């Protein structure tokens, strides 16, 4: 069996958007690279016209390069597993795959099945989010995990004492992988669904909202996050660079979202906001 492999060179904050778009051309397996990402689809299911339309739609993005070729089927997960190593976040949290054997004990341990969904802890933004979560009060809180990927942040929320987590992602593969990871970590009080914050129904307010997506989506969805936050509720954001913080704060100000803190790691950043009385 042959596959079409698409190699995309793009800015980091556009990678997830483009992954969702090229999925419409049939691509169903994704792997991040230093320059962007790779996507794979059975050769017979490759929709050239749809892919061309995606490239045309985002021609204003710079850089944006698409390369594709035909390759023989291989064990994608095996290749992914070989590239995956355990990581330790702030000397407090171990993130590993099921096949890793680690002797040293840490206060928190999260097992993530390497199925190529975003959020293994290796990306700087996931690392930053986990670090911030370990310093945020979760006990007894209701949490939203927007764009949950592997559900790694949902798992940490429960480990930190959250009583209920609502998680969602636009990618069906991420939702399936997230459910596997929740089961593997024996986490039960998380509901995970496919869709966006505008598409899915939610009831009540959330004490803490976690959103590790990208700058453009965060700017677009900030009013939605604020709508589901009570006064005193907190919003932890990542998926953007340190130089993007000013733009996010400008968008947050009219929504009564005030900065409580920030952190950075290799030019990537997190931003913690609190909802004040409007």
C-alpha atoms as a PDB file:
ATOM      1  CA  UNK A   1       0.000   0.000   0.000  1.00  0.00           C
ATOM      2  CA  UNK A   2       1.234   3.498  -0.833  1.00  0.00           C
ATOM      3  CA  UNK A   3       0.713   6.748   1.045  1.00  0.00           C
ATOM      4  CA  UNK A   4       0.934  10.375   0.011  1.00  0.00           C
ATOM      5  CA  UNK A   5       3.242  12.262   2.340  1.00  0.00           C
ATOM      6  CA  UNK A   6       2.753  16.009   2.635  1.00  0.00           C
ATOM      7  CA  UNK A   7       5.582  18.073   4.110  1.00  0.00           C
ATOM      8  CA  UNK A   8       4.541  21.581   5.177  1.00  0.00           C
ATOM      9  CA  UNK A   9       6.868  24.421   6.072  1.00  0.00           C
ATOM     10  CA  UNK A  10       4.958  27.095   7.982  1.00  0.00           C
ATOM     11  CA  UNK A  11       5.108  29.393  11.035  1.00  0.00           C
ATOM     12  CA  UNK A  12       4.583  27.489  14.285  1.00  0.00           C
ATOM     13  CA  UNK A  13       1.412  29.415  15.174  1.00  0.00           C
ATOM     14  CA  UNK A  14      -0.237  28.283  11.919  1.00  0.00           C
ATOM     15  CA  UNK A  15       0.630  24.586  12.155  1.00  0.00           C
ATOM     16  CA  UNK A  16      -2.510  23.457  13.988  1.00  0.00           C
ATOM     17  CA  UNK A  17      -4.802  25.527  11.761  1.00  0.00           C
ATOM     18  CA  UNK A  18      -3.214  24.043   8.645  1.00  0.00           C
ATOM     19  CA  UNK A  19      -3.396  20.509  10.064  1.00  0.00           C
ATOM     20  CA  UNK A  20      -7.141  20.919  10.459  1.00  0.00           C
ATOM     21  CA  UNK A  21      -7.453  22.317   6.941  1.00  0.00           C
ATOM     22  CA  UNK A  22      -5.403  19.636   5.159  1.00  0.00           C
ATOM     23  CA  UNK A  23      -7.377  16.974   7.026  1.00  0.00           C
ATOM     24  CA  UNK A  24     -10.218  17.978   4.689  1.00  0.00           C
ATOM     25  CA  UNK A  25      -8.053  16.676   1.829  1.00  0.00           C
ATOM     26  CA  UNK A  26      -8.069  13.220   3.446  1.00  0.00           C
ATOM     27  CA  UNK A  27      -4.896  13.393   5.542  1.00  0.00           C
ATOM     28  CA  UNK A  28      -5.408  11.592   8.848  1.00  0.00           C
ATOM     29  CA  UNK A  29      -1.956  11.146  10.392  1.00  0.00           C
ATOM     30  CA  UNK A  30       0.193  14.085  11.461  1.00  0.00           C
ATOM     31  CA  UNK A  31       3.660  14.562  12.938  1.00  0.00           C
ATOM     32  CA  UNK A  32       5.220  17.864  13.969  1.00  0.00           C
ATOM     33  CA  UNK A  33       8.631  18.804  12.565  1.00  0.00           C
ATOM     34  CA  UNK A  34      11.053  21.628  13.303  1.00  0.00           C
ATOM     35  CA  UNK A  35       9.843  23.535  10.224  1.00  0.00           C
ATOM     36  CA  UNK A  36       6.120  22.702  10.436  1.00  0.00           C
ATOM     37  CA  UNK A  37       4.580  19.247  10.100  1.00  0.00           C
ATOM     38  CA  UNK A  38       4.163  16.139   7.969  1.00  0.00           C
ATOM     39  CA  UNK A  39       0.799  14.610   7.050  1.00  0.00           C
ATOM     40  CA  UNK A  40      -0.053  11.200   5.572  1.00  0.00           C
ATOM     41  CA  UNK A  41      -3.006   9.739   3.685  1.00  0.00           C
ATOM     42  CA  UNK A  42      -3.638   6.559   1.717  1.00  0.00           C
ATOM     43  CA  UNK A  43      -2.694   7.456  -1.848  1.00  0.00           C
ATOM     44  CA  UNK A  44      -6.145   6.686  -3.253  1.00  0.00           C
ATOM     45  CA  UNK A  45      -7.810   9.071  -0.752  1.00  0.00           C
ATOM     46  CA  UNK A  46      -5.609  12.059  -1.579  1.00  0.00           C
ATOM     47  CA  UNK A  47      -7.768  15.003  -2.739  1.00  0.00           C
ATOM     48  CA  UNK A  48      -5.449  17.244  -4.770  1.00  0.00           C
ATOM     49  CA  UNK A  49      -8.101  19.869  -5.489  1.00  0.00           C
ATOM     50  CA  UNK A  50      -8.902  20.395  -1.795  1.00  0.00           C
ATOM     51  CA  UNK A  51      -5.216  20.631  -0.899  1.00  0.00           C
ATOM     52  CA  UNK A  52      -4.673  23.203  -3.662  1.00  0.00           C
ATOM     53  CA  UNK A  53      -7.579  25.232  -2.281  1.00  0.00           C
ATOM     54  CA  UNK A  54      -6.028  25.192   1.204  1.00  0.00           C
ATOM     55  CA  UNK A  55      -2.699  26.385  -0.170  1.00  0.00           C
ATOM     56  CA  UNK A  56      -4.466  29.185  -2.070  1.00  0.00           C
ATOM     57  CA  UNK A  57      -6.454  30.212   1.029  1.00  0.00           C
ATOM     58  CA  UNK A  58      -3.283  30.670   3.092  1.00  0.00           C
ATOM     59  CA  UNK A  59      -0.977  32.060   0.406  1.00  0.00           C
ATOM     60  CA  UNK A  60      -0.568  35.217   2.530  1.00  0.00           C
ATOM     61  CA  UNK A  61       1.241  33.188   5.222  1.00  0.00           C
ATOM     62  CA  UNK A  62       5.021  33.480   5.060  1.00  0.00           C
ATOM     63  CA  UNK A  63       6.742  31.094   4.934  1.00  0.00           C
ATOM     64  CA  UNK A  64       4.318  28.520   3.512  1.00  0.00           C
ATOM     65  CA  UNK A  65       5.633  25.644   1.408  1.00  0.00           C
ATOM     66  CA  UNK A  66       3.901  22.365   0.464  1.00  0.00           C
ATOM     67  CA  UNK A  67       5.842  19.331  -0.765  1.00  0.00           C
ATOM     68  CA  UNK A  68       4.276  15.934  -1.343  1.00  0.00           C
ATOM     69  CA  UNK A  69       5.470  12.574  -2.584  1.00  0.00           C
ATOM     70  CA  UNK A  70       4.390   8.922  -2.616  1.00  0.00           C
ATOM     71  CA  UNK A  71       5.891   6.478  -0.121  1.00  0.00           C
ATOM     72  CA  UNK A  72       5.259   2.898   0.956  1.00  0.00           C
ATOM     73  CA  UNK A  73       3.234   2.205   4.080  1.00  0.00           C
ATOM     74  CA  UNK A  74       5.212   1.979   7.305  1.00  0.00           C
ATOM     75  CA  UNK A  75       4.513   1.692  10.994  1.00  0.00           C
ATOM     76  CA  UNK A  76       4.017   5.364  11.836  1.00  0.00           C
ATOM     77  CA  UNK A  77       3.539   4.761  15.542  1.00  0.00           C
ATOM     78  CA  UNK A  78       6.733   2.720  15.749  1.00  0.00           C
ATOM     79  CA  UNK A  79       8.669   5.572  14.154  1.00  0.00           C
ATOM     80  CA  UNK A  80       7.010   8.041  16.528  1.00  0.00           C
ATOM     81  CA  UNK A  81       7.772   5.895  19.559  1.00  0.00           C
ATOM     82  CA  UNK A  82      11.465   5.758  18.655  1.00  0.00           C
ATOM     83  CA  UNK A  83      11.610   9.558  18.672  1.00  0.00           C
ATOM     84  CA  UNK A  84       9.790   9.913  21.992  1.00  0.00           C
ATOM     85  CA  UNK A  85      11.681  10.175  25.275  1.00  0.00           C
ATOM     86  CA  UNK A  86      10.377  10.781  28.818  1.00  0.00           C
ATOM     87  CA  UNK A  87      10.451  14.383  30.007  1.00  0.00           C
ATOM     88  CA  UNK A  88      10.453  15.956  33.448  1.00  0.00           C
ATOM     89  CA  UNK A  89       8.700  19.285  34.005  1.00  0.00           C
ATOM     90  CA  UNK A  90      10.156  21.505  36.729  1.00  0.00           C
ATOM     91  CA  UNK A  91      11.463  18.421  38.577  1.00  0.00           C
ATOM     92  CA  UNK A  92       7.863  17.740  39.679  1.00  0.00           C
ATOM     93  CA  UNK A  93       6.099  16.011  36.808  1.00  0.00           C
ATOM     94  CA  UNK A  94       7.183  13.037  34.703  1.00  0.00           C
ATOM     95  CA  UNK A  95       5.556  12.621  31.285  1.00  0.00           C
ATOM     96  CA  UNK A  96       6.236   9.262  29.693  1.00  0.00           C
ATOM     97  CA  UNK A  97       4.856   6.670  27.322  1.00  0.00           C
ATOM     98  CA  UNK A  98       3.566   3.342  28.587  1.00  0.00           C
ATOM     99  CA  UNK A  99       6.645   1.523  27.264  1.00  0.00           C
ATOM    100  CA  UNK A 100       9.072   3.762  29.182  1.00  0.00           C
ATOM    101  CA  UNK A 101      10.462   2.401  32.431  1.00  0.00           C
ATOM    102  CA  UNK A 102      11.605   5.146  34.779  1.00  0.00           C
ATOM    103  CA  UNK A 103      12.872   4.396  38.275  1.00  0.00           C
ATOM    104  CA  UNK A 104      12.862   7.879  39.819  1.00  0.00           C
ATOM    105  CA  UNK A 105       9.582   9.004  41.404  1.00  0.00           C
ATOM    106  CA  UNK A 106       7.991  12.433  40.989  1.00  0.00           C
ATOM    107  CA  UNK A 107       4.939  14.055  42.637  1.00  0.00           C
ATOM    108  CA  UNK A 108       3.041  13.808  39.330  1.00  0.00           C
ATOM    109  CA  UNK A 109       3.300  11.194  36.600  1.00  0.00           C
ATOM    110  CA  UNK A 110       1.344  11.273  33.351  1.00  0.00           C
ATOM    111  CA  UNK A 111       1.339   8.476  30.773  1.00  0.00           C
ATOM    112  CA  UNK A 112       0.697   9.597  27.201  1.00  0.00           C
ATOM    113  CA  UNK A 113       0.160   7.131  24.356  1.00  0.00           C
ATOM    114  CA  UNK A 114       2.301   8.379  21.451  1.00  0.00           C
ATOM    115  CA  UNK A 115      -0.356   8.660  18.751  1.00  0.00           C
ATOM    116  CA  UNK A 116       0.866  11.961  17.242  1.00  0.00           C
ATOM    117  CA  UNK A 117      -1.789  14.183  18.788  1.00  0.00           C
ATOM    118  CA  UNK A 118      -0.448  17.518  19.991  1.00  0.00           C
ATOM    119  CA  UNK A 119       0.567  17.540  23.640  1.00  0.00           C
ATOM    120  CA  UNK A 120       3.202  14.987  24.633  1.00  0.00           C
ATOM    121  CA  UNK A 121       4.922  17.536  26.850  1.00  0.00           C
ATOM    122  CA  UNK A 122       7.860  17.883  24.491  1.00  0.00           C
ATOM    123  CA  UNK A 123       6.690  21.129  22.942  1.00  0.00           C
ATOM    124  CA  UNK A 124       7.684  24.214  24.938  1.00  0.00           C
ATOM    125  CA  UNK A 125       4.084  25.389  25.313  1.00  0.00           C
ATOM    126  CA  UNK A 126       2.855  22.106  26.806  1.00  0.00           C
ATOM    127  CA  UNK A 127       5.844  22.134  29.165  1.00  0.00           C
ATOM    128  CA  UNK A 128       4.981  25.692  30.229  1.00  0.00           C
ATOM    129  CA  UNK A 129       1.289  24.899  30.741  1.00  0.00           C
ATOM    130  CA  UNK A 130       2.062  21.904  32.950  1.00  0.00           C
ATOM    131  CA  UNK A 131       4.528  23.960  34.978  1.00  0.00           C
ATOM    132  CA  UNK A 132       1.945  26.703  35.532  1.00  0.00           C
ATOM    133  CA  UNK A 133      -0.781  24.191  36.404  1.00  0.00           C
ATOM    134  CA  UNK A 134       1.330  22.782  39.217  1.00  0.00           C
ATOM    135  CA  UNK A 135       1.292  26.246  40.815  1.00  0.00           C
ATOM    136  CA  UNK A 136      -2.414  26.952  40.264  1.00  0.00           C
ATOM    137  CA  UNK A 137      -5.211  25.954  42.633  1.00  0.00           C
ATOM    138  CA  UNK A 138      -7.381  23.251  41.038  1.00  0.00           C
ATOM    139  CA  UNK A 139      -8.901  21.573  44.077  1.00  0.00           C
ATOM    140  CA  UNK A 140     -12.685  21.612  43.896  1.00  0.00           C
ATOM    141  CA  UNK A 141     -12.570  23.616  40.661  1.00  0.00           C
ATOM    142  CA  UNK A 142     -14.470  23.209  37.398  1.00  0.00           C
ATOM    143  CA  UNK A 143     -12.023  23.310  34.477  1.00  0.00           C
ATOM    144  CA  UNK A 144     -12.292  23.756  30.694  1.00  0.00           C
ATOM    145  CA  UNK A 145      -9.522  22.365  28.449  1.00  0.00           C
ATOM    146  CA  UNK A 146      -9.899  24.104  25.063  1.00  0.00           C
ATOM    147  CA  UNK A 147      -8.096  22.403  22.174  1.00  0.00           C
ATOM    148  CA  UNK A 148      -7.157  19.516  24.441  1.00  0.00           C
ATOM    149  CA  UNK A 149      -4.973  17.478  22.046  1.00  0.00           C
ATOM    150  CA  UNK A 150      -3.824  14.400  23.970  1.00  0.00           C
ATOM    151  CA  UNK A 151      -5.790  15.594  27.072  1.00  0.00           C
ATOM    152  CA  UNK A 152      -2.529  15.945  28.989  1.00  0.00           C
ATOM    153  CA  UNK A 153      -3.682  19.199  30.635  1.00  0.00           C
ATOM    154  CA  UNK A 154      -7.010  17.629  31.600  1.00  0.00           C
ATOM    155  CA  UNK A 155      -5.138  14.784  33.281  1.00  0.00           C
ATOM    156  CA  UNK A 156      -2.968  17.234  35.209  1.00  0.00           C
ATOM    157  CA  UNK A 157      -6.087  19.175  36.242  1.00  0.00           C
ATOM    158  CA  UNK A 158      -7.581  16.038  37.794  1.00  0.00           C
ATOM    159  CA  UNK A 159      -4.289  15.113  39.463  1.00  0.00           C
ATOM    160  CA  UNK A 160      -4.324  18.608  40.972  1.00  0.00           C
ATOM    161  CA  UNK A 161      -7.833  18.088  42.384  1.00  0.00           C
ATOM    162  CA  UNK A 162     -10.289  19.410  39.776  1.00  0.00           C
ATOM    163  CA  UNK A 163     -13.771  17.970  40.323  1.00  0.00           C
ATOM    164  CA  UNK A 164     -14.903  18.267  36.697  1.00  0.00           C
ATOM    165  CA  UNK A 165     -13.156  18.903  33.380  1.00  0.00           C
ATOM    166  CA  UNK A 166     -14.789  19.705  30.034  1.00  0.00           C
ATOM    167  CA  UNK A 167     -12.289  19.023  27.224  1.00  0.00           C
ATOM    168  CA  UNK A 168     -12.710  19.426  23.487  1.00  0.00           C
ATOM    169  CA  UNK A 169     -10.763  19.523  20.220  1.00  0.00           C
ATOM    170  CA  UNK A 170     -11.679  20.016  16.564  1.00  0.00           C
ATOM    171  CA  UNK A 171      -9.636  16.947  15.576  1.00  0.00           C
ATOM    172  CA  UNK A 172     -11.397  13.569  15.834  1.00  0.00           C
ATOM    173  CA  UNK A 173      -8.019  11.811  16.137  1.00  0.00           C
ATOM    174  CA  UNK A 174      -7.135  13.949  19.163  1.00  0.00           C
ATOM    175  CA  UNK A 175     -10.458  13.158  20.847  1.00  0.00           C
ATOM    176  CA  UNK A 176      -9.935   9.421  20.354  1.00  0.00           C
ATOM    177  CA  UNK A 177      -6.348   9.643  21.577  1.00  0.00           C
ATOM    178  CA  UNK A 178      -7.409  11.822  24.505  1.00  0.00           C
ATOM    179  CA  UNK A 179      -9.945   9.217  25.610  1.00  0.00           C
ATOM    180  CA  UNK A 180      -7.246   6.532  25.494  1.00  0.00           C
ATOM    181  CA  UNK A 181      -4.955   8.663  27.640  1.00  0.00           C
ATOM    182  CA  UNK A 182      -7.688   9.415  30.165  1.00  0.00           C
ATOM    183  CA  UNK A 183      -8.351   5.697  30.517  1.00  0.00           C
ATOM    184  CA  UNK A 184      -4.655   4.858  30.783  1.00  0.00           C
ATOM    185  CA  UNK A 185      -4.223   7.394  33.593  1.00  0.00           C
ATOM    186  CA  UNK A 186      -7.440   6.166  35.281  1.00  0.00           C
ATOM    187  CA  UNK A 187      -9.020   9.590  35.037  1.00  0.00           C
ATOM    188  CA  UNK A 188     -12.814   9.519  35.091  1.00  0.00           C
ATOM    189  CA  UNK A 189     -14.232  12.990  35.744  1.00  0.00           C
ATOM    190  CA  UNK A 190     -13.309  14.393  32.304  1.00  0.00           C
ATOM    191  CA  UNK A 191     -15.749  14.701  29.412  1.00  0.00           C
ATOM    192  CA  UNK A 192     -14.025  15.029  26.035  1.00  0.00           C
ATOM    193  CA  UNK A 193     -15.863  15.969  22.828  1.00  0.00           C
ATOM    194  CA  UNK A 194     -15.137  16.960  19.247  1.00  0.00           C
ATOM    195  CA  UNK A 195     -15.898  20.539  18.254  1.00  0.00           C
ATOM    196  CA  UNK A 196     -15.152  24.165  19.096  1.00  0.00           C
ATOM    197  CA  UNK A 197     -16.190  26.369  22.003  1.00  0.00           C
ATOM    198  CA  UNK A 198     -18.814  27.971  19.748  1.00  0.00           C
ATOM    199  CA  UNK A 199     -20.228  24.679  18.485  1.00  0.00           C
ATOM    200  CA  UNK A 200     -20.514  22.718  21.722  1.00  0.00           C
ATOM    201  CA  UNK A 201     -23.080  23.357  24.462  1.00  0.00           C
ATOM    202  CA  UNK A 202     -21.758  24.090  27.958  1.00  0.00           C
ATOM    203  CA  UNK A 203     -23.634  24.768  31.179  1.00  0.00           C
ATOM    204  CA  UNK A 204     -22.441  26.933  34.025  1.00  0.00           C
ATOM    205  CA  UNK A 205     -19.163  28.722  34.606  1.00  0.00           C
ATOM    206  CA  UNK A 206     -15.582  27.441  34.734  1.00  0.00           C
ATOM    207  CA  UNK A 207     -13.203  28.412  37.532  1.00  0.00           C
ATOM    208  CA  UNK A 208     -10.199  27.733  35.308  1.00  0.00           C
ATOM    209  CA  UNK A 209      -9.887  27.631  31.515  1.00  0.00           C
ATOM    210  CA  UNK A 210      -6.812  26.135  29.857  1.00  0.00           C
ATOM    211  CA  UNK A 211      -6.124  26.999  26.197  1.00  0.00           C
ATOM    212  CA  UNK A 212      -2.872  25.954  24.523  1.00  0.00           C
ATOM    213  CA  UNK A 213      -3.720  26.598  20.878  1.00  0.00           C
ATOM    214  CA  UNK A 214      -2.204  29.457  18.835  1.00  0.00           C
ATOM    215  CA  UNK A 215      -2.335  33.234  18.835  1.00  0.00           C
ATOM    216  CA  UNK A 216      -4.936  33.664  16.092  1.00  0.00           C
ATOM    217  CA  UNK A 217      -7.419  31.211  17.577  1.00  0.00           C
ATOM    218  CA  UNK A 218      -6.867  32.602  21.077  1.00  0.00           C
ATOM    219  CA  UNK A 219      -7.569  36.153  19.876  1.00  0.00           C
ATOM    220  CA  UNK A 220     -10.721  34.951  18.140  1.00  0.00           C
ATOM    221  CA  UNK A 221     -11.991  32.919  21.098  1.00  0.00           C
ATOM    222  CA  UNK A 222     -11.061  35.226  24.004  1.00  0.00           C
ATOM    223  CA  UNK A 223     -14.634  36.627  24.227  1.00  0.00           C
ATOM    224  CA  UNK A 224     -15.970  33.061  24.441  1.00  0.00           C
ATOM    225  CA  UNK A 225     -13.584  32.175  27.263  1.00  0.00           C
ATOM    226  CA  UNK A 226     -14.549  35.336  29.142  1.00  0.00           C
ATOM    227  CA  UNK A 227     -18.246  34.478  28.720  1.00  0.00           C
ATOM    228  CA  UNK A 228     -17.762  31.213  30.629  1.00  0.00           C
ATOM    229  CA  UNK A 229     -15.678  32.716  33.453  1.00  0.00           C
ATOM    230  CA  UNK A 230     -17.080  34.026  36.739  1.00  0.00           C
ATOM    231  CA  UNK A 231     -15.520  37.042  38.440  1.00  0.00           C
ATOM    232  CA  UNK A 232     -12.266  35.731  39.895  1.00  0.00           C
ATOM    233  CA  UNK A 233     -12.029  32.935  37.317  1.00  0.00           C
ATOM    234  CA  UNK A 234      -8.635  32.303  35.750  1.00  0.00           C
ATOM    235  CA  UNK A 235      -7.527  31.749  32.152  1.00  0.00           C
ATOM    236  CA  UNK A 236      -4.169  30.138  31.330  1.00  0.00           C
ATOM    237  CA  UNK A 237      -3.046  30.638  27.733  1.00  0.00           C
ATOM    238  CA  UNK A 238      -0.155  29.380  25.626  1.00  0.00           C
ATOM    239  CA  UNK A 239       0.676  28.514  22.021  1.00  0.00           C
ATOM    240  CA  UNK A 240       2.264  31.874  21.171  1.00  0.00           C
ATOM    241  CA  UNK A 241       5.595  33.698  21.348  1.00  0.00           C
ATOM    242  CA  UNK A 242       6.699  36.234  23.949  1.00  0.00           C
ATOM    243  CA  UNK A 243       6.345  39.052  21.395  1.00  0.00           C
ATOM    244  CA  UNK A 244       2.638  38.140  21.011  1.00  0.00           C
ATOM    245  CA  UNK A 245       1.790  38.905  24.646  1.00  0.00           C
ATOM    246  CA  UNK A 246       1.067  42.594  23.985  1.00  0.00           C
ATOM    247  CA  UNK A 247      -1.535  41.730  21.327  1.00  0.00           C
ATOM    248  CA  UNK A 248      -3.271  39.262  23.648  1.00  0.00           C
ATOM    249  CA  UNK A 249      -3.344  41.753  26.521  1.00  0.00           C
ATOM    250  CA  UNK A 250      -4.883  44.419  24.264  1.00  0.00           C
ATOM    251  CA  UNK A 251      -7.641  41.985  23.294  1.00  0.00           C
ATOM    252  CA  UNK A 252      -8.131  40.906  26.921  1.00  0.00           C
ATOM    253  CA  UNK A 253      -8.533  44.391  28.425  1.00  0.00           C
ATOM    254  CA  UNK A 254     -12.079  45.169  27.173  1.00  0.00           C
ATOM    255  CA  UNK A 255     -13.157  41.725  28.387  1.00  0.00           C
ATOM    256  CA  UNK A 256     -12.126  42.584  31.982  1.00  0.00           C
ATOM    257  CA  UNK A 257      -9.326  40.011  31.803  1.00  0.00           C
ATOM    258  CA  UNK A 258      -6.332  41.189  33.820  1.00  0.00           C
ATOM    259  CA  UNK A 259      -2.811  39.758  33.748  1.00  0.00           C
ATOM    260  CA  UNK A 260      -1.710  37.871  36.853  1.00  0.00           C
ATOM    261  CA  UNK A 261       1.551  36.503  35.497  1.00  0.00           C
ATOM    262  CA  UNK A 262       3.544  35.164  32.574  1.00  0.00           C
ATOM    263  CA  UNK A 263       6.330  32.720  31.869  1.00  0.00           C
ATOM    264  CA  UNK A 264       8.514  31.878  28.883  1.00  0.00           C
ATOM    265  CA  UNK A 265      10.676  29.093  27.549  1.00  0.00           C
ATOM    266  CA  UNK A 266      12.808  29.420  24.414  1.00  0.00           C
ATOM    267  CA  UNK A 267      10.732  32.349  23.018  1.00  0.00           C
ATOM    268  CA  UNK A 268       7.388  30.578  23.736  1.00  0.00           C
ATOM    269  CA  UNK A 269       5.151  32.005  26.460  1.00  0.00           C
ATOM    270  CA  UNK A 270       2.258  31.478  28.833  1.00  0.00           C
ATOM    271  CA  UNK A 271      -0.092  34.161  30.093  1.00  0.00           C
ATOM    272  CA  UNK A 272      -2.285  33.901  33.196  1.00  0.00           C
ATOM    273  CA  UNK A 273      -5.357  36.160  33.270  1.00  0.00           C
ATOM    274  CA  UNK A 274      -8.098  36.744  35.827  1.00  0.00           C
ATOM    275  CA  UNK A 275     -11.672  37.882  35.194  1.00  0.00           C
ATOM    276  CA  UNK A 276     -12.478  41.078  37.084  1.00  0.00           C
ATOM    277  CA  UNK A 277     -15.873  42.667  37.615  1.00  0.00           C
ATOM    278  CA  UNK A 278     -16.835  44.468  34.392  1.00  0.00           C
END
